[in-house]
C-alpha atoms as a PDB file:
ATOM      1  CA  MET A   1    -179.410  72.523 136.767  1.00  0.00           C
ATOM      2  CA  SER A   2    -176.885  71.803 138.862  1.00  0.00           C
ATOM      3  CA  ARG A   3    -173.891  69.907 139.098  1.00  0.00           C
ATOM      4  CA  LYS A   4    -172.305  67.689 141.325  1.00  0.00           C
ATOM      5  CA  THR A   5    -168.321  69.037 141.830  1.00  0.00           C
ATOM      6  CA  SER A   6    -166.118  66.571 142.113  1.00  0.00           C
ATOM      7  CA  SER A   7    -164.024  66.218 145.675  1.00  0.00           C
ATOM      8  CA  ARG A   8    -161.035  65.764 143.356  1.00  0.00           C
ATOM      9  CA  SER A   9    -158.320  68.541 142.736  1.00  0.00           C
ATOM     10  CA  ALA A  10    -158.883  70.171 139.722  1.00  0.00           C
ATOM     11  CA  HIS A  11    -155.464  70.905 139.324  1.00  0.00           C
ATOM     12  CA  ARG A  12    -152.461  68.105 138.210  1.00  0.00           C
ATOM     13  CA  GLY A  13    -149.991  66.662 140.568  1.00  0.00           C
ATOM     14  CA  GLU A  14    -151.442  67.435 143.068  1.00  0.00           C
ATOM     15  CA  PRO A  15    -151.791  64.936 146.195  1.00  0.00           C
ATOM     16  CA  SER A  16    -155.733  63.340 145.372  1.00  0.00           C
ATOM     17  CA  GLY A  17    -154.862  63.148 148.711  1.00  0.00           C
ATOM     18  CA  ARG A  18    -154.948  58.619 148.585  1.00  0.00           C
ATOM     19  CA  THR A  19    -152.500  56.172 149.819  1.00  0.00           C
ATOM     20  CA  VAL A  20    -151.327  53.355 148.015  1.00  0.00           C
ATOM     21  CA  SER A  21    -150.981  50.045 151.100  1.00  0.00           C
ATOM     22  CA  VAL A  22    -150.356  47.315 148.822  1.00  0.00           C
ATOM     23  CA  ARG A  23    -148.078  46.467 146.604  1.00  0.00           C
ATOM     24  CA  PHE A  24    -148.926  45.243 142.666  1.00  0.00           C
ATOM     25  CA  PRO A  25    -148.708  44.562 139.421  1.00  0.00           C
ATOM     26  CA  VAL A  26    -149.383  47.540 136.832  1.00  0.00           C
ATOM     27  CA  ALA A  27    -149.830  45.483 133.457  1.00  0.00           C
ATOM     28  CA  PRO A  28    -148.493  47.327 130.368  1.00  0.00           C
ATOM     29  CA  PHE A  29    -150.253  50.464 127.501  1.00  0.00           C
ATOM     30  CA  ILE A  30    -149.848  52.551 125.496  1.00  0.00           C
ATOM     31  CA  ARG A  31    -149.888  56.548 126.490  1.00  0.00           C
ATOM     32  CA  ARG A  32    -151.004  58.915 124.409  1.00  0.00           C
ATOM     33  CA  GLN A  33    -148.356  60.757 125.364  1.00  0.00           C
ATOM     34  CA  ALA A  34    -147.772  64.920 124.154  1.00  0.00           C
ATOM     35  CA  TYR A  35    -145.417  66.538 122.369  1.00  0.00           C
ATOM     36  CA  GLY A  36    -145.038  69.055 120.119  1.00  0.00           C
ATOM     37  CA  PRO A  37    -145.744  73.104 120.077  1.00  0.00           C
ATOM     38  CA  GLY A  38    -148.035  74.057 123.226  1.00  0.00           C
ATOM     39  CA  ARG A  39    -148.240  69.682 123.470  1.00  0.00           C
ATOM     40  CA  THR A  40    -150.936  69.888 121.123  1.00  0.00           C
ATOM     41  CA  LEU A  41    -149.558  66.806 119.129  1.00  0.00           C
ATOM     42  CA  ARG A  42    -150.199  63.380 120.407  1.00  0.00           C
ATOM     43  CA  ARG A  43    -147.444  60.373 120.189  1.00  0.00           C
ATOM     44  CA  LEU A  44    -147.445  56.597 121.213  1.00  0.00           C
ATOM     45  CA  THR A  45    -145.425  55.909 123.800  1.00  0.00           C
ATOM     46  CA  PRO A  46    -145.454  52.184 124.835  1.00  0.00           C
ATOM     47  CA  VAL A  47    -145.639  52.210 128.599  1.00  0.00           C
ATOM     48  CA  ALA A  48    -142.981  48.795 130.264  1.00  0.00           C
ATOM     49  CA  GLY A  49    -145.229  46.973 133.138  1.00  0.00           C
ATOM     50  CA  HIS A  50    -144.000  47.561 136.095  1.00  0.00           C
ATOM     51  CA  TRP A  51    -144.309  46.949 140.324  1.00  0.00           C
ATOM     52  CA  ARG A  52    -146.924  49.937 141.313  1.00  0.00           C
ATOM     53  CA  GLY A  53    -146.746  50.192 145.875  1.00  0.00           C
ATOM     54  CA  PRO A  54    -144.405  51.109 148.785  1.00  0.00           C
ATOM     55  CA  VAL A  55    -141.341  48.518 148.493  1.00  0.00           C
ATOM     56  CA  ASP A  56    -142.083  47.105 151.715  1.00  0.00           C
ATOM     57  CA  ALA A  57    -145.736  46.339 151.545  1.00  0.00           C
ATOM     58  CA  PRO A  58    -147.080  43.245 151.082  1.00  0.00           C
ATOM     59  CA  VAL A  59    -148.030  42.036 147.512  1.00  0.00           C
ATOM     60  CA  ARG A  60    -152.081  41.799 146.644  1.00  0.00           C
ATOM     61  CA  ILE A  61    -152.835  38.311 144.872  1.00  0.00           C
ATOM     62  CA  THR A  62    -155.333  37.871 142.104  1.00  0.00           C
ATOM     63  CA  LYS A  63    -155.878  34.746 139.535  1.00  0.00           C
ATOM     64  CA  LYS A  64    -155.184  37.537 136.961  1.00  0.00           C
ATOM     65  CA  VAL A  65    -151.589  36.906 135.553  1.00  0.00           C
ATOM     66  CA  ASN A  66    -149.820  39.715 133.778  1.00  0.00           C
ATOM     67  CA  LEU A  67    -147.458  39.093 131.182  1.00  0.00           C
ATOM     68  CA  VAL A  68    -144.097  41.626 131.296  1.00  0.00           C
ATOM     69  CA  ASP A  69    -142.129  41.841 128.368  1.00  0.00           C
ATOM     70  CA  THR A  70    -143.206  39.283 127.004  1.00  0.00           C
ATOM     71  CA  PRO A  71    -142.916  39.057 123.609  1.00  0.00           C
ATOM     72  CA  PRO A  72    -145.916  37.833 121.089  1.00  0.00           C
ATOM     73  CA  ASN A  73    -145.183  34.814 118.846  1.00  0.00           C
ATOM     74  CA  ARG A  74    -145.366  35.021 115.205  1.00  0.00           C
ATOM     75  CA  THR A  75    -145.028  32.132 112.953  1.00  0.00           C
ATOM     76  CA  SER A  76    -144.096  32.473 109.963  1.00  0.00           C
ATOM     77  CA  GLU A  77    -145.923  29.286 107.821  1.00  0.00           C
END
């Protein structure tokens, strides 16, 4: 049995060769951040919504709406 090898870089931190030619919003998400001895423990870290892509690139318009930095409505009844 043979496995198909990926053309992606096997080492973290190396450039993948991909480029972004448009600007688009990235929705907020939770990252499992490594920390502790040998980076073996995980901490849930919120990452705020932000823009990805070159500043001078055209903005990609989609029908999806991302709410950034908007707290949920909490009603106490």
